[in-house]
Amino acid sequence: MRKRSASLQLTTMLAGATAITLAGCEDHGGQASWDPNRGEQVQAFSYKTLQECKDANEVSDQQCETSYAAAQKDDEKNAPRFEARSTCEDVYGVGNCVPRTGSDGHSVFGPLLAGFVIGRMLDGGGGYYRGTGLYHRDDGYYSTWGGRLGRDYGSGRTVITRESIDPPDAIRSAPPKIQTRTSVVSRGGFGGGRAYAHGGGFKGGFGG
């Protein structure tokens, strides 16, 4: 029998999320507005490590390696950034934030990479896969780009929105906003790397 991965076990359907606005998009005329939790949902495979991905036999070893490398790159360049460790830990938990370097060269803080997710993108050519990082919060697992993993109970599959894996160029090219406690609270809650504000609520974690 095929090995099964330690995929994310979530207990609720993907809820509607609050619309968000891309921070730092002034160069694009202030028009870049998107919600990473809305739109086309794709099948997702999630893993803690590269080896776990290979052992699961759900995608090829090459796809594991390519997606893992993409997750590492996204984490390095686009992981959420916070001005203070305490603000980061309010979102991701005590001990789960580490020093990083902001786009201006100053020291900031960001969450530890908890794993990576591979999305199966469908297109006319038969489909392809792409990976990005995952970060754990007390309401679930989020991609580098702010999308939250959910479960499609009709099929039993773990899902995520396509743009949560492969966002538009305007989103990908914009530097992460350095979040302060004031800016986070002013949005009514804690968000991701580009001042994402999320609605809904998931509870879950990596299962066995």
N, C-alpha and C. Protein backbone atom coordinates (compact mmCIF):
# COMPACT_ATOMS: atom_id res chain seq x y z
N MET A 1 0.83 -1.20 0.00
CA MET A 1 0.00 0.00 0.00
C MET A 1 0.87 1.25 0.00
N ARG A 2 0.37 2.26 -0.61
CA ARG A 2 1.09 3.53 -0.70
C ARG A 2 1.17 4.19 0.67
N LYS A 3 2.33 4.69 0.99
CA LYS A 3 2.49 5.39 2.27
C LYS A 3 1.70 6.69 2.22
N ARG A 4 1.19 7.06 3.37
CA ARG A 4 0.45 8.32 3.47
C ARG A 4 1.29 9.33 4.22
N SER A 5 1.19 10.59 3.82
CA SER A 5 1.99 11.62 4.48
C SER A 5 1.35 12.03 5.78
N ALA A 6 2.16 12.68 6.60
CA ALA A 6 1.63 13.29 7.82
C ALA A 6 1.05 14.63 7.44
N SER A 7 -0.09 14.60 6.79
CA SER A 7 -0.69 15.82 6.28
C SER A 7 -1.42 16.55 7.38
N LEU A 8 -1.76 17.81 7.10
CA LEU A 8 -2.41 18.62 8.11
C LEU A 8 -3.83 18.14 8.33
N GLN A 9 -4.17 17.90 9.61
CA GLN A 9 -5.51 17.46 9.95
C GLN A 9 -6.28 18.67 10.46
N LEU A 10 -7.27 19.09 9.74
CA LEU A 10 -8.04 20.26 10.10
C LEU A 10 -9.48 19.87 10.36
N THR A 11 -10.15 20.60 11.22
CA THR A 11 -11.45 20.15 11.68
C THR A 11 -12.62 20.97 11.16
N THR A 12 -12.36 21.96 10.32
CA THR A 12 -13.46 22.75 9.77
C THR A 12 -13.22 23.05 8.31
N MET A 13 -14.27 23.36 7.61
CA MET A 13 -14.14 23.74 6.21
C MET A 13 -13.51 25.11 6.10
N LEU A 14 -12.91 25.39 4.96
CA LEU A 14 -12.31 26.69 4.72
C LEU A 14 -13.39 27.75 4.72
N ALA A 15 -13.28 28.69 5.69
CA ALA A 15 -14.30 29.72 5.85
C ALA A 15 -13.99 30.92 4.98
N GLY A 16 -14.99 31.74 4.76
CA GLY A 16 -14.75 32.97 4.02
C GLY A 16 -13.82 33.88 4.80
N ALA A 17 -12.90 34.48 4.11
CA ALA A 17 -11.91 35.32 4.78
C ALA A 17 -12.17 36.79 4.49
N THR A 18 -11.74 37.63 5.40
CA THR A 18 -11.88 39.07 5.22
C THR A 18 -11.00 39.54 4.09
N ALA A 19 -11.50 40.41 3.25
CA ALA A 19 -10.68 40.93 2.16
C ALA A 19 -9.48 41.66 2.72
N ILE A 20 -8.35 41.55 2.05
CA ILE A 20 -7.13 42.19 2.52
C ILE A 20 -6.57 43.07 1.43
N THR A 21 -5.73 43.98 1.83
CA THR A 21 -5.08 44.88 0.89
C THR A 21 -3.59 44.70 0.99
N LEU A 22 -2.93 44.63 -0.12
CA LEU A 22 -1.48 44.48 -0.14
C LEU A 22 -0.82 45.73 0.41
N ALA A 23 -0.02 45.56 1.47
CA ALA A 23 0.73 46.68 2.02
C ALA A 23 1.92 46.96 1.13
N GLY A 24 2.29 48.21 1.04
CA GLY A 24 3.46 48.57 0.25
C GLY A 24 3.22 48.51 -1.24
N CYS A 25 1.97 48.65 -1.68
CA CYS A 25 1.69 48.55 -3.11
C CYS A 25 1.52 49.92 -3.75
N GLU A 26 2.01 50.97 -3.07
CA GLU A 26 1.82 52.30 -3.61
C GLU A 26 2.41 52.45 -5.01
N ASP A 27 3.49 51.71 -5.29
CA ASP A 27 4.11 51.80 -6.61
C ASP A 27 3.20 51.28 -7.72
N HIS A 28 2.16 50.55 -7.33
CA HIS A 28 1.23 49.99 -8.31
C HIS A 28 -0.08 50.79 -8.31
N GLY A 29 0.01 52.04 -7.81
CA GLY A 29 -1.17 52.89 -7.84
C GLY A 29 -2.18 52.61 -6.75
N GLY A 30 -1.80 51.80 -5.76
CA GLY A 30 -2.70 51.51 -4.66
C GLY A 30 -3.87 50.63 -5.04
N GLN A 31 -3.79 49.97 -6.19
CA GLN A 31 -4.92 49.19 -6.67
C GLN A 31 -4.83 47.70 -6.36
N ALA A 32 -3.65 47.25 -5.88
CA ALA A 32 -3.46 45.82 -5.68
C ALA A 32 -4.18 45.36 -4.43
N SER A 33 -5.32 44.75 -4.59
CA SER A 33 -6.10 44.23 -3.48
C SER A 33 -6.45 42.78 -3.77
N TRP A 34 -6.22 41.90 -2.77
CA TRP A 34 -6.51 40.50 -3.03
C TRP A 34 -6.76 39.78 -1.72
N ASP A 35 -7.35 38.64 -1.81
CA ASP A 35 -7.60 37.79 -0.66
C ASP A 35 -7.04 36.41 -0.98
N PRO A 36 -5.96 35.98 -0.31
CA PRO A 36 -5.34 34.70 -0.63
C PRO A 36 -6.22 33.51 -0.28
N ASN A 37 -7.31 33.73 0.44
CA ASN A 37 -8.19 32.63 0.82
C ASN A 37 -9.44 32.53 -0.05
N ARG A 38 -9.49 33.32 -1.11
CA ARG A 38 -10.61 33.23 -2.05
C ARG A 38 -10.08 32.81 -3.42
N GLY A 39 -10.92 32.21 -4.19
CA GLY A 39 -10.53 31.80 -5.53
C GLY A 39 -10.46 30.29 -5.67
N GLU A 40 -9.85 29.87 -6.75
CA GLU A 40 -9.76 28.46 -7.08
C GLU A 40 -8.98 27.68 -6.02
N GLN A 41 -9.55 26.59 -5.55
CA GLN A 41 -8.87 25.73 -4.59
C GLN A 41 -8.21 24.57 -5.32
N VAL A 42 -7.02 24.22 -4.85
CA VAL A 42 -6.26 23.13 -5.46
C VAL A 42 -5.89 22.12 -4.39
N GLN A 43 -5.67 20.90 -4.82
CA GLN A 43 -5.24 19.86 -3.88
C GLN A 43 -3.86 20.20 -3.34
N ALA A 44 -3.67 20.01 -2.05
CA ALA A 44 -2.41 20.36 -1.41
C ALA A 44 -1.83 19.16 -0.67
N PHE A 45 -0.50 19.07 -0.69
CA PHE A 45 0.24 18.06 0.05
C PHE A 45 1.19 18.80 0.98
N SER A 46 1.16 18.49 2.26
CA SER A 46 1.97 19.24 3.22
C SER A 46 2.90 18.32 3.98
N TYR A 47 4.10 18.81 4.25
CA TYR A 47 5.14 18.01 4.89
C TYR A 47 5.98 18.86 5.81
N LYS A 48 6.55 18.21 6.82
CA LYS A 48 7.47 18.90 7.71
C LYS A 48 8.87 18.99 7.11
N THR A 49 9.28 17.96 6.38
CA THR A 49 10.64 17.89 5.86
C THR A 49 10.65 17.37 4.43
N LEU A 50 11.77 17.57 3.76
CA LEU A 50 11.95 17.04 2.41
C LEU A 50 11.87 15.52 2.42
N GLN A 51 12.49 14.89 3.39
CA GLN A 51 12.47 13.43 3.43
C GLN A 51 11.06 12.89 3.64
N GLU A 52 10.28 13.57 4.46
CA GLU A 52 8.90 13.14 4.67
C GLU A 52 8.13 13.17 3.36
N CYS A 53 8.38 14.19 2.54
CA CYS A 53 7.73 14.29 1.24
C CYS A 53 8.10 13.10 0.37
N LYS A 54 9.38 12.77 0.33
CA LYS A 54 9.84 11.65 -0.50
C LYS A 54 9.28 10.33 0.00
N ASP A 55 9.23 10.16 1.30
CA ASP A 55 8.72 8.91 1.88
C ASP A 55 7.23 8.71 1.64
N ALA A 56 6.49 9.82 1.49
CA ALA A 56 5.04 9.72 1.33
C ALA A 56 4.63 9.16 -0.02
N ASN A 57 5.47 9.33 -1.06
CA ASN A 57 5.17 8.83 -2.39
C ASN A 57 3.86 9.40 -2.97
N GLU A 58 3.57 10.63 -2.62
CA GLU A 58 2.38 11.28 -3.19
C GLU A 58 2.72 12.09 -4.43
N VAL A 59 3.91 12.63 -4.47
CA VAL A 59 4.44 13.29 -5.65
C VAL A 59 5.84 12.73 -5.89
N SER A 60 6.42 13.01 -7.04
CA SER A 60 7.74 12.46 -7.33
C SER A 60 8.81 13.09 -6.45
N ASP A 61 9.94 12.40 -6.31
CA ASP A 61 11.05 12.94 -5.54
C ASP A 61 11.52 14.26 -6.12
N GLN A 62 11.50 14.37 -7.45
CA GLN A 62 11.91 15.62 -8.10
C GLN A 62 10.96 16.76 -7.75
N GLN A 63 9.67 16.47 -7.71
CA GLN A 63 8.71 17.49 -7.33
C GLN A 63 8.89 17.89 -5.87
N CYS A 64 9.22 16.92 -5.01
CA CYS A 64 9.51 17.23 -3.61
C CYS A 64 10.68 18.20 -3.53
N GLU A 65 11.75 17.89 -4.25
CA GLU A 65 12.96 18.71 -4.19
C GLU A 65 12.72 20.11 -4.74
N THR A 66 12.02 20.19 -5.87
CA THR A 66 11.75 21.50 -6.48
C THR A 66 10.86 22.35 -5.57
N SER A 67 9.84 21.74 -5.01
CA SER A 67 8.91 22.48 -4.15
C SER A 67 9.57 22.88 -2.84
N TYR A 68 10.41 22.02 -2.30
CA TYR A 68 11.13 22.34 -1.07
C TYR A 68 12.06 23.53 -1.30
N ALA A 69 12.75 23.52 -2.43
CA ALA A 69 13.65 24.64 -2.76
C ALA A 69 12.86 25.93 -2.90
N ALA A 70 11.68 25.88 -3.54
CA ALA A 70 10.84 27.07 -3.68
C ALA A 70 10.39 27.57 -2.32
N ALA A 71 10.07 26.65 -1.41
CA ALA A 71 9.64 27.04 -0.07
C ALA A 71 10.76 27.74 0.68
N GLN A 72 12.00 27.22 0.55
CA GLN A 72 13.15 27.84 1.20
C GLN A 72 13.38 29.25 0.66
N LYS A 73 13.25 29.40 -0.64
CA LYS A 73 13.45 30.71 -1.27
C LYS A 73 12.37 31.69 -0.84
N ASP A 74 11.11 31.25 -0.84
CA ASP A 74 10.02 32.12 -0.42
C ASP A 74 10.18 32.53 1.04
N ASP A 75 10.61 31.58 1.87
CA ASP A 75 10.81 31.87 3.29
C ASP A 75 11.88 32.94 3.47
N GLU A 76 12.97 32.80 2.75
CA GLU A 76 14.09 33.75 2.89
C GLU A 76 13.70 35.15 2.45
N LYS A 77 12.94 35.26 1.36
CA LYS A 77 12.64 36.56 0.78
C LYS A 77 11.31 37.15 1.23
N ASN A 78 10.34 36.31 1.56
CA ASN A 78 8.98 36.80 1.73
C ASN A 78 8.28 36.37 3.01
N ALA A 79 9.01 35.76 3.95
CA ALA A 79 8.39 35.38 5.21
C ALA A 79 7.87 36.60 5.94
N PRO A 80 6.84 36.45 6.77
CA PRO A 80 6.34 37.59 7.56
C PRO A 80 7.46 38.24 8.36
N ARG A 81 7.40 39.56 8.48
CA ARG A 81 8.41 40.32 9.20
C ARG A 81 7.75 41.18 10.28
N PHE A 82 8.37 41.20 11.45
CA PHE A 82 7.86 41.98 12.57
C PHE A 82 8.98 42.82 13.16
N GLU A 83 8.61 44.02 13.61
CA GLU A 83 9.59 44.91 14.20
C GLU A 83 10.14 44.36 15.51
N ALA A 84 9.28 43.70 16.31
CA ALA A 84 9.68 43.19 17.62
C ALA A 84 9.41 41.70 17.74
N ARG A 85 10.26 41.00 18.46
CA ARG A 85 10.06 39.57 18.68
C ARG A 85 8.73 39.30 19.38
N SER A 86 8.38 40.14 20.35
CA SER A 86 7.15 39.91 21.11
C SER A 86 5.92 39.97 20.23
N THR A 87 5.91 40.87 19.25
CA THR A 87 4.77 40.95 18.33
C THR A 87 4.69 39.71 17.46
N CYS A 88 5.82 39.25 16.99
CA CYS A 88 5.86 38.01 16.20
C CYS A 88 5.37 36.83 17.03
N GLU A 89 5.80 36.76 18.28
CA GLU A 89 5.41 35.64 19.13
C GLU A 89 3.95 35.69 19.53
N ASP A 90 3.35 36.87 19.53
CA ASP A 90 1.92 36.96 19.76
C ASP A 90 1.14 36.25 18.66
N VAL A 91 1.72 36.20 17.47
CA VAL A 91 1.06 35.55 16.33
C VAL A 91 1.45 34.08 16.24
N TYR A 92 2.73 33.78 16.37
CA TYR A 92 3.24 32.44 16.08
C TYR A 92 3.67 31.64 17.30
N GLY A 93 3.58 32.22 18.48
CA GLY A 93 3.88 31.49 19.70
C GLY A 93 5.27 31.78 20.25
N VAL A 94 5.38 31.69 21.56
CA VAL A 94 6.65 31.96 22.23
C VAL A 94 7.70 30.95 21.79
N GLY A 95 8.88 31.46 21.45
CA GLY A 95 9.97 30.60 21.02
C GLY A 95 9.95 30.23 19.55
N ASN A 96 8.94 30.71 18.83
CA ASN A 96 8.79 30.34 17.42
C ASN A 96 9.18 31.46 16.46
N CYS A 97 9.87 32.47 16.95
CA CYS A 97 10.30 33.58 16.10
C CYS A 97 11.81 33.77 16.20
N VAL A 98 12.43 34.09 15.09
CA VAL A 98 13.89 34.22 15.02
C VAL A 98 14.27 35.52 14.33
N PRO A 99 15.50 36.00 14.57
CA PRO A 99 15.94 37.22 13.89
C PRO A 99 16.04 37.02 12.38
N ARG A 100 15.65 38.03 11.64
CA ARG A 100 15.79 38.05 10.19
C ARG A 100 16.30 39.43 9.79
N THR A 101 16.55 39.60 8.53
CA THR A 101 17.01 40.89 8.02
C THR A 101 15.94 41.51 7.15
N GLY A 102 15.57 42.75 7.45
CA GLY A 102 14.58 43.43 6.64
C GLY A 102 15.15 43.90 5.33
N SER A 103 14.28 44.38 4.43
CA SER A 103 14.73 44.82 3.11
C SER A 103 15.65 46.04 3.20
N ASP A 104 15.58 46.77 4.33
CA ASP A 104 16.44 47.93 4.51
C ASP A 104 17.73 47.57 5.24
N GLY A 105 17.92 46.28 5.51
CA GLY A 105 19.14 45.83 6.17
C GLY A 105 19.06 45.79 7.68
N HIS A 106 17.98 46.31 8.27
CA HIS A 106 17.84 46.32 9.71
C HIS A 106 17.33 44.97 10.22
N SER A 107 17.62 44.68 11.47
CA SER A 107 17.19 43.43 12.08
C SER A 107 15.71 43.45 12.40
N VAL A 108 15.01 42.39 12.01
CA VAL A 108 13.59 42.22 12.31
C VAL A 108 13.41 40.79 12.79
N PHE A 109 12.16 40.38 12.98
CA PHE A 109 11.89 39.02 13.45
C PHE A 109 10.83 38.38 12.57
N GLY A 110 10.94 37.06 12.41
CA GLY A 110 9.98 36.31 11.62
C GLY A 110 9.77 34.93 12.19
N PRO A 111 8.69 34.25 11.78
CA PRO A 111 8.38 32.92 12.32
C PRO A 111 9.30 31.85 11.76
N LEU A 112 9.47 30.80 12.55
CA LEU A 112 10.19 29.63 12.08
C LEU A 112 9.38 28.92 11.00
N LEU A 113 10.06 28.41 10.00
CA LEU A 113 9.40 27.63 8.96
C LEU A 113 8.97 26.29 9.55
N ALA A 114 7.67 26.00 9.48
CA ALA A 114 7.13 24.78 10.08
C ALA A 114 7.08 23.61 9.11
N GLY A 115 7.26 23.89 7.83
CA GLY A 115 7.17 22.85 6.82
C GLY A 115 6.94 23.48 5.46
N PHE A 116 6.45 22.70 4.53
CA PHE A 116 6.14 23.26 3.21
C PHE A 116 4.93 22.56 2.63
N VAL A 117 4.29 23.24 1.70
CA VAL A 117 3.09 22.73 1.07
C VAL A 117 3.30 22.72 -0.43
N ILE A 118 2.79 21.69 -1.08
CA ILE A 118 2.85 21.56 -2.53
C ILE A 118 1.42 21.61 -3.06
N GLY A 119 1.16 22.53 -3.96
CA GLY A 119 -0.15 22.62 -4.57
C GLY A 119 -0.14 22.02 -5.96
N ARG A 120 -1.17 21.26 -6.27
CA ARG A 120 -1.31 20.69 -7.61
C ARG A 120 -2.12 21.65 -8.46
N MET A 121 -1.42 22.37 -9.34
CA MET A 121 -2.05 23.36 -10.19
C MET A 121 -2.55 22.71 -11.48
N LEU A 122 -3.80 22.93 -11.80
CA LEU A 122 -4.37 22.34 -13.01
C LEU A 122 -4.40 23.38 -14.12
N ASP A 123 -4.03 22.95 -15.32
CA ASP A 123 -4.12 23.82 -16.49
C ASP A 123 -4.32 22.95 -17.72
N GLY A 124 -4.38 23.59 -18.88
CA GLY A 124 -4.64 22.86 -20.11
C GLY A 124 -3.54 21.90 -20.50
N GLY A 125 -2.34 22.10 -19.94
CA GLY A 125 -1.22 21.22 -20.27
C GLY A 125 -1.12 19.99 -19.40
N GLY A 126 -2.10 19.78 -18.55
CA GLY A 126 -2.08 18.59 -17.70
C GLY A 126 -1.71 18.85 -16.26
N GLY A 127 -1.32 20.09 -15.96
CA GLY A 127 -1.06 20.43 -14.57
C GLY A 127 0.42 20.46 -14.21
N TYR A 128 0.71 21.10 -13.10
CA TYR A 128 2.07 21.17 -12.58
C TYR A 128 1.98 21.37 -11.07
N TYR A 129 3.11 21.33 -10.42
CA TYR A 129 3.15 21.49 -8.97
C TYR A 129 4.00 22.69 -8.59
N ARG A 130 3.64 23.33 -7.49
CA ARG A 130 4.49 24.38 -6.93
C ARG A 130 4.43 24.31 -5.42
N GLY A 131 5.56 24.66 -4.77
CA GLY A 131 5.62 24.62 -3.32
C GLY A 131 5.90 25.99 -2.73
N THR A 132 5.57 26.14 -1.46
CA THR A 132 5.93 27.33 -0.69
C THR A 132 5.95 26.95 0.77
N GLY A 133 6.39 27.89 1.61
CA GLY A 133 6.55 27.60 3.03
C GLY A 133 5.24 27.55 3.79
N LEU A 134 5.29 26.94 4.97
CA LEU A 134 4.16 26.90 5.89
C LEU A 134 4.58 27.43 7.26
N TYR A 135 3.67 28.15 7.90
CA TYR A 135 3.90 28.68 9.23
C TYR A 135 2.70 28.34 10.10
N HIS A 136 2.98 27.96 11.34
CA HIS A 136 1.91 27.54 12.24
C HIS A 136 1.44 28.68 13.12
N ARG A 137 0.13 28.84 13.18
CA ARG A 137 -0.51 29.75 14.12
C ARG A 137 -1.55 28.96 14.89
N ASP A 138 -2.10 29.55 15.94
CA ASP A 138 -3.02 28.78 16.76
C ASP A 138 -4.35 28.50 16.07
N ASP A 139 -4.58 29.13 14.91
CA ASP A 139 -5.80 28.86 14.17
C ASP A 139 -5.53 28.10 12.88
N GLY A 140 -4.36 27.50 12.76
CA GLY A 140 -4.08 26.67 11.60
C GLY A 140 -2.72 26.90 11.00
N TYR A 141 -2.55 26.42 9.76
CA TYR A 141 -1.29 26.58 9.03
C TYR A 141 -1.50 27.50 7.84
N TYR A 142 -0.56 28.42 7.67
CA TYR A 142 -0.63 29.42 6.61
C TYR A 142 0.57 29.31 5.69
N SER A 143 0.34 29.58 4.42
CA SER A 143 1.44 29.61 3.46
C SER A 143 2.22 30.91 3.61
N THR A 144 3.38 30.96 2.96
CA THR A 144 4.18 32.19 2.95
C THR A 144 3.35 33.38 2.48
N TRP A 145 2.41 33.14 1.58
CA TRP A 145 1.64 34.22 0.97
C TRP A 145 0.33 34.50 1.67
N GLY A 146 0.10 33.88 2.83
CA GLY A 146 -1.06 34.23 3.64
C GLY A 146 -2.27 33.33 3.52
N GLY A 147 -2.23 32.31 2.65
CA GLY A 147 -3.38 31.42 2.50
C GLY A 147 -3.40 30.34 3.56
N ARG A 148 -4.58 29.94 3.96
CA ARG A 148 -4.73 28.95 5.02
C ARG A 148 -5.15 27.60 4.45
N LEU A 149 -4.54 26.56 4.96
CA LEU A 149 -4.91 25.21 4.55
C LEU A 149 -6.27 24.84 5.11
N GLY A 150 -7.04 24.12 4.31
CA GLY A 150 -8.36 23.65 4.73
C GLY A 150 -8.58 22.24 4.22
N ARG A 151 -9.77 21.72 4.48
CA ARG A 151 -10.11 20.39 4.00
C ARG A 151 -11.43 20.42 3.24
N ASP A 152 -11.41 19.79 2.08
CA ASP A 152 -12.62 19.61 1.28
C ASP A 152 -13.25 18.30 1.74
N TYR A 153 -14.32 18.39 2.50
CA TYR A 153 -14.91 17.18 3.04
C TYR A 153 -15.65 16.37 1.99
N GLY A 154 -15.93 16.97 0.84
CA GLY A 154 -16.53 16.18 -0.23
C GLY A 154 -15.58 15.13 -0.76
N SER A 155 -14.31 15.51 -0.90
CA SER A 155 -13.30 14.59 -1.43
C SER A 155 -12.36 14.06 -0.34
N GLY A 156 -12.35 14.73 0.83
CA GLY A 156 -11.44 14.33 1.89
C GLY A 156 -10.03 14.87 1.70
N ARG A 157 -9.84 15.70 0.70
CA ARG A 157 -8.51 16.20 0.39
C ARG A 157 -8.18 17.48 1.14
N THR A 158 -6.90 17.65 1.45
CA THR A 158 -6.41 18.93 1.95
C THR A 158 -6.32 19.88 0.78
N VAL A 159 -6.78 21.12 0.97
CA VAL A 159 -6.83 22.08 -0.13
C VAL A 159 -6.27 23.43 0.33
N ILE A 160 -5.93 24.23 -0.66
CA ILE A 160 -5.50 25.60 -0.44
C ILE A 160 -5.79 26.35 -1.74
N THR A 161 -5.91 27.66 -1.67
CA THR A 161 -6.18 28.39 -2.90
C THR A 161 -4.92 28.46 -3.76
N ARG A 162 -5.15 28.51 -5.04
CA ARG A 162 -4.04 28.55 -6.00
C ARG A 162 -3.10 29.72 -5.73
N GLU A 163 -3.66 30.91 -5.47
CA GLU A 163 -2.83 32.08 -5.26
C GLU A 163 -2.08 32.04 -3.93
N SER A 164 -2.48 31.15 -3.03
CA SER A 164 -1.73 30.98 -1.79
C SER A 164 -0.42 30.24 -2.03
N ILE A 165 -0.31 29.58 -3.16
CA ILE A 165 0.91 28.88 -3.55
C ILE A 165 1.68 29.69 -4.59
N ASP A 166 0.96 30.25 -5.54
CA ASP A 166 1.57 30.96 -6.67
C ASP A 166 0.86 32.30 -6.85
N PRO A 167 1.24 33.32 -6.09
CA PRO A 167 0.54 34.60 -6.12
C PRO A 167 0.85 35.42 -7.37
N PRO A 168 0.07 36.46 -7.61
CA PRO A 168 0.34 37.35 -8.75
C PRO A 168 1.71 38.00 -8.62
N ASP A 169 2.26 38.43 -9.75
CA ASP A 169 3.59 39.05 -9.75
C ASP A 169 3.65 40.28 -8.86
N ALA A 170 2.57 41.07 -8.81
CA ALA A 170 2.56 42.28 -7.99
C ALA A 170 2.72 41.94 -6.52
N ILE A 171 2.17 40.81 -6.11
CA ILE A 171 2.29 40.38 -4.72
C ILE A 171 3.69 39.82 -4.48
N ARG A 172 4.14 39.00 -5.40
CA ARG A 172 5.44 38.33 -5.25
C ARG A 172 6.60 39.32 -5.21
N SER A 173 6.49 40.40 -5.99
CA SER A 173 7.61 41.33 -6.10
C SER A 173 7.64 42.38 -5.00
N ALA A 174 6.54 42.56 -4.29
CA ALA A 174 6.49 43.57 -3.24
C ALA A 174 7.22 43.07 -1.99
N PRO A 175 8.07 43.88 -1.37
CA PRO A 175 8.76 43.44 -0.16
C PRO A 175 7.80 43.28 1.01
N PRO A 176 8.06 42.34 1.91
CA PRO A 176 7.17 42.17 3.07
C PRO A 176 7.14 43.44 3.91
N LYS A 177 5.97 43.79 4.38
CA LYS A 177 5.82 44.94 5.26
C LYS A 177 6.36 44.58 6.64
N ILE A 178 7.12 45.49 7.24
CA ILE A 178 7.59 45.29 8.60
C ILE A 178 6.44 45.66 9.54
N GLN A 179 5.89 44.69 10.21
CA GLN A 179 4.72 44.91 11.03
C GLN A 179 5.08 45.32 12.45
N THR A 180 4.37 46.30 12.96
CA THR A 180 4.52 46.75 14.33
C THR A 180 3.26 46.35 15.11
N ARG A 181 3.34 46.42 16.42
CA ARG A 181 2.16 46.10 17.21
C ARG A 181 1.02 47.05 16.88
N THR A 182 1.33 48.32 16.68
CA THR A 182 0.29 49.31 16.35
C THR A 182 -0.39 48.99 15.03
N SER A 183 0.41 48.65 14.02
CA SER A 183 -0.19 48.38 12.70
C SER A 183 -1.01 47.10 12.73
N VAL A 184 -0.56 46.11 13.50
CA VAL A 184 -1.29 44.85 13.59
C VAL A 184 -2.61 45.05 14.29
N VAL A 185 -2.59 45.73 15.44
CA VAL A 185 -3.81 45.96 16.20
C VAL A 185 -4.78 46.83 15.42
N SER A 186 -4.27 47.78 14.64
CA SER A 186 -5.14 48.68 13.88
C SER A 186 -5.94 47.95 12.82
N ARG A 187 -5.45 46.75 12.42
CA ARG A 187 -6.19 45.94 11.44
C ARG A 187 -7.18 45.01 12.12
N GLY A 188 -7.24 45.06 13.44
CA GLY A 188 -8.21 44.24 14.15
C GLY A 188 -7.71 42.84 14.42
N GLY A 189 -6.40 42.61 14.32
CA GLY A 189 -5.87 41.28 14.57
C GLY A 189 -4.50 41.14 14.01
N PHE A 190 -3.92 39.95 14.16
CA PHE A 190 -2.57 39.70 13.67
C PHE A 190 -2.64 39.02 12.31
N GLY A 191 -1.78 39.47 11.40
CA GLY A 191 -1.81 38.93 10.04
C GLY A 191 -0.49 38.38 9.62
N GLY A 192 -0.34 38.16 8.29
CA GLY A 192 0.87 37.56 7.75
C GLY A 192 1.85 38.60 7.24
N GLY A 193 2.72 38.19 6.32
CA GLY A 193 3.86 38.99 5.93
C GLY A 193 3.55 40.28 5.22
N ARG A 194 2.37 40.44 4.64
CA ARG A 194 2.03 41.67 3.95
C ARG A 194 0.76 42.27 4.53
N ALA A 195 0.70 42.29 5.83
CA ALA A 195 -0.46 42.87 6.52
C ALA A 195 -1.74 42.16 6.14
N TYR A 196 -1.68 40.83 6.01
CA TYR A 196 -2.89 40.08 5.77
C TYR A 196 -3.79 40.15 6.99
N ALA A 197 -5.07 40.24 6.77
CA ALA A 197 -6.04 40.13 7.87
C ALA A 197 -6.96 38.97 7.53
N HIS A 198 -7.05 37.99 8.41
CA HIS A 198 -7.79 36.77 8.10
C HIS A 198 -9.04 36.67 8.95
N GLY A 199 -10.07 36.07 8.37
CA GLY A 199 -11.26 35.75 9.12
C GLY A 199 -11.37 34.24 9.26
N GLY A 200 -12.42 33.77 9.90
CA GLY A 200 -12.62 32.35 10.08
C GLY A 200 -11.75 31.80 11.18
N GLY A 201 -11.81 30.49 11.42
CA GLY A 201 -10.99 29.90 12.46
C GLY A 201 -10.81 28.42 12.28
N PHE A 202 -9.57 27.98 12.15
CA PHE A 202 -9.25 26.57 12.04
C PHE A 202 -8.47 26.14 13.25
N LYS A 203 -8.62 24.91 13.66
CA LYS A 203 -7.76 24.30 14.66
C LYS A 203 -7.16 23.07 14.01
N GLY A 204 -5.86 22.90 14.15
CA GLY A 204 -5.28 21.72 13.53
C GLY A 204 -3.79 21.68 13.69
N GLY A 205 -3.17 20.63 13.17
CA GLY A 205 -1.74 20.49 13.25
C GLY A 205 -1.30 19.32 12.40
N PHE A 206 -0.02 19.10 12.33
CA PHE A 206 0.47 17.95 11.60
C PHE A 206 0.05 16.70 12.33
N GLY A 207 -0.62 15.81 11.61
CA GLY A 207 -1.07 14.55 12.22
C GLY A 207 -0.15 13.42 11.89
N GLY A 208 -0.37 12.26 12.52
CA GLY A 208 0.47 11.10 12.27
C GLY A 208 -0.05 10.28 11.13
